[in-house]
């Protein structure tokens, strides 16, 4: 599944367009590499997202084309969530 679609389906980001923009800005990494919106996501991948003053690191535990709001959290495991200083 594409990265931008996965982030929307898992409800990590509300819109697929937002996921695309973050990826194009170089703010999303998959397995320690800067990712494109079209990057293929597999179970076990590590995704790191930097938005604003937040850094979120997750591990993909499942991939589904559609999922209910209640079950969206079963698609990933949060490894780290922290606030960071914006120095750019």
C-alpha atoms as a PDB file:
ATOM      1  CA  UNK A   1       0.000   0.000   0.000  1.00  0.00           C
ATOM      2  CA  UNK A   2       1.201   3.522  -0.739  1.00  0.00           C
ATOM      3  CA  UNK A   3       2.522   5.554   2.196  1.00  0.00           C
ATOM      4  CA  UNK A   4       0.050   8.425   1.785  1.00  0.00           C
ATOM      5  CA  UNK A   5      -2.913   6.048   1.594  1.00  0.00           C
ATOM      6  CA  UNK A   6      -1.704   4.051   4.618  1.00  0.00           C
ATOM      7  CA  UNK A   7      -1.363   7.159   6.805  1.00  0.00           C
ATOM      8  CA  UNK A   8      -4.924   8.181   5.965  1.00  0.00           C
ATOM      9  CA  UNK A   9      -6.396   4.676   6.371  1.00  0.00           C
ATOM     10  CA  UNK A  10      -4.669   4.253   9.754  1.00  0.00           C
ATOM     11  CA  UNK A  11      -5.979   7.718  10.684  1.00  0.00           C
ATOM     12  CA  UNK A  12      -2.527   9.009  11.572  1.00  0.00           C
ATOM     13  CA  UNK A  13      -3.254  11.960   9.277  1.00  0.00           C
ATOM     14  CA  UNK A  14      -6.752  13.110   8.380  1.00  0.00           C
ATOM     15  CA  UNK A  15      -6.193  13.661   4.670  1.00  0.00           C
ATOM     16  CA  UNK A  16      -4.155  11.842   2.061  1.00  0.00           C
ATOM     17  CA  UNK A  17      -3.127  15.226   0.634  1.00  0.00           C
ATOM     18  CA  UNK A  18      -1.582  16.173   4.005  1.00  0.00           C
ATOM     19  CA  UNK A  19       0.461  12.958   3.973  1.00  0.00           C
ATOM     20  CA  UNK A  20       1.592  13.725   0.434  1.00  0.00           C
ATOM     21  CA  UNK A  21       2.696  17.256   1.373  1.00  0.00           C
ATOM     22  CA  UNK A  22       4.677  16.080   4.426  1.00  0.00           C
ATOM     23  CA  UNK A  23       6.434  13.441   2.328  1.00  0.00           C
ATOM     24  CA  UNK A  24       7.292  15.925  -0.423  1.00  0.00           C
ATOM     25  CA  UNK A  25       8.779  18.233   2.246  1.00  0.00           C
ATOM     26  CA  UNK A  26      11.056  15.398   3.435  1.00  0.00           C
ATOM     27  CA  UNK A  27       9.311  15.076   6.806  1.00  0.00           C
ATOM     28  CA  UNK A  28       8.478  11.350   6.585  1.00  0.00           C
ATOM     29  CA  UNK A  29      11.018   8.532   6.795  1.00  0.00           C
ATOM     30  CA  UNK A  30      10.399   4.838   6.198  1.00  0.00           C
ATOM     31  CA  UNK A  31      13.077   2.538   7.617  1.00  0.00           C
ATOM     32  CA  UNK A  32      15.469   5.491   8.096  1.00  0.00           C
ATOM     33  CA  UNK A  33      15.131   6.724   4.491  1.00  0.00           C
ATOM     34  CA  UNK A  34      13.268   9.822   3.327  1.00  0.00           C
ATOM     35  CA  UNK A  35      10.039   8.562   1.779  1.00  0.00           C
ATOM     36  CA  UNK A  36       7.962   9.626  -1.195  1.00  0.00           C
ATOM     37  CA  UNK A  37       4.151   9.595  -1.034  1.00  0.00           C
ATOM     38  CA  UNK A  38       4.193   6.562  -3.343  1.00  0.00           C
ATOM     39  CA  UNK A  39       6.612   4.535  -1.183  1.00  0.00           C
ATOM     40  CA  UNK A  40       5.287   1.006  -0.623  1.00  0.00           C
ATOM     41  CA  UNK A  41       4.563   0.165   3.006  1.00  0.00           C
ATOM     42  CA  UNK A  42       4.934  -3.368   4.378  1.00  0.00           C
ATOM     43  CA  UNK A  43       4.178  -4.918   7.757  1.00  0.00           C
ATOM     44  CA  UNK A  44       7.136  -4.318  10.075  1.00  0.00           C
ATOM     45  CA  UNK A  45       8.206  -1.023   8.471  1.00  0.00           C
ATOM     46  CA  UNK A  46       9.240   1.812  10.777  1.00  0.00           C
ATOM     47  CA  UNK A  47       7.694   5.170   9.895  1.00  0.00           C
ATOM     48  CA  UNK A  48       8.896   8.450  11.399  1.00  0.00           C
ATOM     49  CA  UNK A  49       6.818  11.588  10.850  1.00  0.00           C
ATOM     50  CA  UNK A  50       7.783  15.114  11.809  1.00  0.00           C
ATOM     51  CA  UNK A  51       4.926  17.581  11.931  1.00  0.00           C
ATOM     52  CA  UNK A  52       5.305  20.933  13.573  1.00  0.00           C
ATOM     53  CA  UNK A  53       6.918  20.435  16.952  1.00  0.00           C
ATOM     54  CA  UNK A  54       6.047  16.725  17.076  1.00  0.00           C
ATOM     55  CA  UNK A  55       7.959  13.615  16.117  1.00  0.00           C
ATOM     56  CA  UNK A  56       5.989  10.382  15.835  1.00  0.00           C
ATOM     57  CA  UNK A  57       7.618   7.006  15.308  1.00  0.00           C
ATOM     58  CA  UNK A  58       5.445   3.968  14.562  1.00  0.00           C
ATOM     59  CA  UNK A  59       5.775   0.355  13.450  1.00  0.00           C
ATOM     60  CA  UNK A  60       3.319  -0.988  10.866  1.00  0.00           C
ATOM     61  CA  UNK A  61       1.525  -4.015  12.369  1.00  0.00           C
ATOM     62  CA  UNK A  62      -1.187  -4.561   9.739  1.00  0.00           C
ATOM     63  CA  UNK A  63      -2.301  -3.253   6.354  1.00  0.00           C
ATOM     64  CA  UNK A  64      -5.950  -3.102   5.318  1.00  0.00           C
ATOM     65  CA  UNK A  65      -7.684  -1.224   2.509  1.00  0.00           C
ATOM     66  CA  UNK A  66     -10.529  -0.129   4.766  1.00  0.00           C
ATOM     67  CA  UNK A  67     -10.806  -0.098   8.528  1.00  0.00           C
ATOM     68  CA  UNK A  68     -13.304   1.297  11.014  1.00  0.00           C
ATOM     69  CA  UNK A  69     -12.362   4.231  13.206  1.00  0.00           C
ATOM     70  CA  UNK A  70     -12.305   1.954  16.266  1.00  0.00           C
ATOM     71  CA  UNK A  71      -9.939  -0.547  14.626  1.00  0.00           C
ATOM     72  CA  UNK A  72      -7.595   1.968  12.966  1.00  0.00           C
ATOM     73  CA  UNK A  73      -5.201   1.847  15.921  1.00  0.00           C
ATOM     74  CA  UNK A  74      -4.610  -1.872  15.332  1.00  0.00           C
ATOM     75  CA  UNK A  75      -2.739  -1.041  12.104  1.00  0.00           C
ATOM     76  CA  UNK A  76       0.259   0.428  13.931  1.00  0.00           C
ATOM     77  CA  UNK A  77       2.169   0.516  17.195  1.00  0.00           C
ATOM     78  CA  UNK A  78       3.490   3.808  18.554  1.00  0.00           C
ATOM     79  CA  UNK A  79       7.173   3.451  19.400  1.00  0.00           C
ATOM     80  CA  UNK A  80       7.950   7.067  20.260  1.00  0.00           C
ATOM     81  CA  UNK A  81       6.058  10.334  20.406  1.00  0.00           C
ATOM     82  CA  UNK A  82       7.858  13.471  21.490  1.00  0.00           C
ATOM     83  CA  UNK A  83       7.921  17.214  21.214  1.00  0.00           C
ATOM     84  CA  UNK A  84      10.993  18.653  19.524  1.00  0.00           C
ATOM     85  CA  UNK A  85      12.590  22.064  19.229  1.00  0.00           C
ATOM     86  CA  UNK A  86      12.121  23.714  15.842  1.00  0.00           C
ATOM     87  CA  UNK A  87      15.570  25.012  14.874  1.00  0.00           C
ATOM     88  CA  UNK A  88      15.221  25.323  11.081  1.00  0.00           C
END
